[in-house]
N, C-alpha and C. Protein backbone atom coordinates (compact mmCIF):
# COMPACT_ATOMS: atom_id res chain seq x y z
N MET A 1 71.59 96.63 88.51
CA MET A 1 71.91 96.58 90.04
C MET A 1 70.42 97.14 90.64
N SER A 2 70.26 96.50 91.84
CA SER A 2 69.07 96.53 92.43
C SER A 2 69.12 97.94 93.25
N SER A 3 68.04 98.41 93.36
CA SER A 3 68.03 99.69 94.34
C SER A 3 67.63 99.29 95.61
N GLN A 4 68.54 99.06 96.67
CA GLN A 4 68.40 98.72 98.00
C GLN A 4 68.52 99.87 98.79
N HIS A 5 67.73 99.99 99.76
CA HIS A 5 67.85 101.25 100.60
C HIS A 5 68.59 100.58 101.79
N ARG A 6 69.77 101.75 102.31
CA ARG A 6 70.59 101.40 103.41
C ARG A 6 69.78 101.53 104.66
N VAL A 7 69.82 100.60 105.55
CA VAL A 7 69.18 100.74 106.96
C VAL A 7 70.20 100.98 107.98
N PRO A 8 70.18 102.14 108.62
CA PRO A 8 71.17 102.42 109.56
C PRO A 8 71.02 101.36 110.92
N ASN A 9 72.19 100.98 111.35
CA ASN A 9 72.02 100.05 112.51
C ASN A 9 72.21 100.68 113.94
N ILE A 10 72.14 102.09 113.88
CA ILE A 10 72.06 102.80 115.06
C ILE A 10 71.13 103.93 115.01
N GLY A 11 70.55 104.31 116.05
CA GLY A 11 69.38 105.19 116.03
C GLY A 11 69.98 106.63 116.06
N TRP A 12 69.04 107.64 115.93
CA TRP A 12 69.49 109.00 115.83
C TRP A 12 70.34 109.57 117.17
N ASP A 13 69.67 109.12 118.31
CA ASP A 13 70.51 109.59 119.45
C ASP A 13 71.98 109.15 119.49
N GLU A 14 72.24 107.76 119.12
CA GLU A 14 73.66 107.53 119.10
C GLU A 14 74.39 108.05 117.91
N ARG A 15 73.82 108.40 116.94
CA ARG A 15 74.55 109.00 115.78
C ARG A 15 74.96 110.44 116.29
N ARG A 16 73.97 111.13 117.12
CA ARG A 16 74.20 112.58 117.45
C ARG A 16 75.46 112.42 118.51
N LYS A 17 75.36 111.38 119.38
CA LYS A 17 76.65 111.38 120.42
C LYS A 17 77.80 111.12 119.64
N ARG A 18 77.88 110.45 118.77
CA ARG A 18 79.16 110.20 117.95
C ARG A 18 79.50 111.40 117.21
N LEU A 19 78.59 112.09 116.56
CA LEU A 19 78.88 113.27 116.01
C LEU A 19 79.43 114.44 116.79
N VAL A 20 78.72 114.48 118.09
CA VAL A 20 79.33 115.47 119.10
C VAL A 20 80.68 115.14 119.53
N PHE A 21 81.02 113.77 119.75
CA PHE A 21 82.11 113.48 120.32
C PHE A 21 83.25 113.70 119.17
N GLY A 22 82.93 113.40 117.88
CA GLY A 22 83.89 113.63 116.67
C GLY A 22 84.27 115.01 116.61
N LEU A 23 83.17 116.03 116.61
CA LEU A 23 83.47 117.47 116.60
C LEU A 23 84.31 117.91 117.84
N GLY A 24 83.95 117.50 118.85
CA GLY A 24 84.89 117.82 120.06
C GLY A 24 86.20 117.45 120.02
N MET A 25 86.56 116.08 119.41
CA MET A 25 87.74 115.67 119.24
C MET A 25 88.50 116.48 118.19
N LEU A 26 87.72 116.87 117.31
CA LEU A 26 88.42 117.83 116.07
C LEU A 26 88.81 119.22 116.67
N ALA A 27 87.78 119.78 117.47
CA ALA A 27 88.17 121.00 118.17
C ALA A 27 89.31 120.78 119.10
N LEU A 28 89.56 119.72 119.79
CA LEU A 28 90.67 119.70 120.74
C LEU A 28 91.77 119.45 119.97
N ALA A 29 91.98 118.59 118.72
CA ALA A 29 92.92 118.48 117.90
C ALA A 29 93.67 119.80 117.18
N VAL A 30 92.63 120.61 116.95
CA VAL A 30 92.96 122.02 116.45
C VAL A 30 93.52 122.89 117.33
N LEU A 31 93.02 122.89 118.50
CA LEU A 31 93.34 123.62 119.59
C LEU A 31 94.85 123.24 120.14
N ALA A 32 95.08 122.06 120.22
CA ALA A 32 96.34 121.47 120.55
C ALA A 32 97.36 121.73 119.57
N SER A 33 96.99 121.45 118.28
CA SER A 33 97.88 122.02 117.25
C SER A 33 98.21 123.44 117.21
N LEU A 34 97.49 124.23 117.48
CA LEU A 34 97.74 125.73 117.56
C LEU A 34 98.68 126.06 118.72
N VAL A 35 98.24 125.44 119.91
CA VAL A 35 99.09 125.62 120.96
C VAL A 35 100.58 125.18 120.80
N LEU A 36 100.59 124.08 120.10
CA LEU A 36 102.02 123.40 119.96
C LEU A 36 102.69 124.12 118.78
N ILE A 37 102.12 124.64 117.70
CA ILE A 37 102.86 125.27 116.87
C ILE A 37 103.30 126.73 117.14
N LEU A 38 102.39 127.59 118.00
CA LEU A 38 102.75 128.91 118.48
C LEU A 38 103.75 128.89 119.54
N THR A 39 103.80 127.52 120.30
CA THR A 39 104.80 127.69 121.28
C THR A 39 106.28 127.24 120.82
N GLY A 40 106.20 126.72 119.52
CA GLY A 40 107.46 126.35 118.86
C GLY A 40 108.10 124.95 119.19
N ILE A 41 107.25 124.13 119.81
CA ILE A 41 107.45 122.79 120.21
C ILE A 41 107.92 122.08 118.88
N HIS A 42 109.11 121.15 119.09
CA HIS A 42 109.66 120.39 118.08
C HIS A 42 108.57 119.53 117.36
N PRO A 43 108.65 119.39 116.10
CA PRO A 43 107.45 118.72 115.36
C PRO A 43 106.98 117.33 115.89
N LEU A 44 108.08 116.66 116.40
CA LEU A 44 108.00 115.31 116.79
C LEU A 44 107.09 115.24 117.96
N TRP A 45 106.88 116.21 118.82
CA TRP A 45 106.17 116.22 119.94
C TRP A 45 104.63 116.50 119.37
N ARG A 46 104.59 117.03 118.25
CA ARG A 46 103.10 117.41 117.72
C ARG A 46 102.41 116.05 117.30
N LEU A 47 103.30 115.14 117.04
CA LEU A 47 102.66 113.62 116.50
C LEU A 47 101.52 113.13 117.39
N PRO A 48 101.50 113.39 118.85
CA PRO A 48 100.28 112.71 119.41
C PRO A 48 98.87 113.35 119.10
N VAL A 49 99.04 114.55 118.38
CA VAL A 49 97.72 115.03 117.93
C VAL A 49 97.01 114.41 116.91
N ALA A 50 97.66 113.27 116.36
CA ALA A 50 97.19 112.37 115.57
C ALA A 50 96.02 111.56 116.11
N VAL A 51 96.28 111.28 117.40
CA VAL A 51 95.08 110.53 118.22
C VAL A 51 93.85 111.29 118.14
N PRO A 52 93.75 112.44 118.60
CA PRO A 52 92.30 113.00 118.64
C PRO A 52 91.90 113.31 117.14
N LEU A 53 92.76 113.46 116.31
CA LEU A 53 92.33 113.55 114.87
C LEU A 53 91.67 112.24 114.33
N PHE A 54 92.18 111.17 114.85
CA PHE A 54 91.67 109.84 114.39
C PHE A 54 90.50 109.61 114.93
N LEU A 55 90.16 109.91 116.07
CA LEU A 55 89.05 109.69 116.95
C LEU A 55 87.95 110.76 116.36
N ALA A 56 88.41 111.83 115.84
CA ALA A 56 87.28 112.80 115.37
C ALA A 56 86.85 112.30 113.97
N GLY A 57 87.79 111.69 113.09
CA GLY A 57 87.48 111.20 111.90
C GLY A 57 86.54 109.96 112.17
N ASN A 58 86.89 109.24 113.20
CA ASN A 58 86.05 107.94 113.18
C ASN A 58 84.73 108.28 113.73
N GLY A 59 84.58 109.15 114.64
CA GLY A 59 83.19 109.64 115.11
C GLY A 59 82.32 110.30 114.08
N ILE A 60 83.09 111.03 113.41
CA ILE A 60 82.28 111.95 112.41
C ILE A 60 81.82 110.92 111.27
N PHE A 61 82.82 109.95 110.88
CA PHE A 61 82.16 109.19 109.76
C PHE A 61 81.21 108.10 110.32
N GLN A 62 81.41 107.57 111.49
CA GLN A 62 80.29 106.78 112.01
C GLN A 62 78.79 107.43 112.12
N ALA A 63 78.84 108.72 112.63
CA ALA A 63 77.57 109.50 112.55
C ALA A 63 76.98 109.76 111.15
N THR A 64 77.90 110.07 110.22
CA THR A 64 77.20 110.49 108.93
C THR A 64 76.95 109.17 108.11
N ASP A 65 77.68 108.12 108.34
CA ASP A 65 77.51 106.76 107.77
C ASP A 65 76.45 105.98 108.31
N SER A 66 76.12 106.39 109.53
CA SER A 66 74.97 105.61 110.14
C SER A 66 75.50 104.14 110.52
N THR A 67 76.67 104.17 110.87
CA THR A 67 77.18 102.64 111.23
C THR A 67 77.37 102.54 112.69
């Protein structure tokens, strides 16, 4: 195997934006989950929390993988 270096296709500023967005979505998802669990909402109404969790994972992955 050859030792090729990976070159990021986005700069540090854009990576920082994506990381901040991802961490913000993660905080939102955790907060929403806590509120929904503590208020005793039916579990199916907790399903939309998957959207900010997906966005959090996507933002954090893109920031750390430099894509």
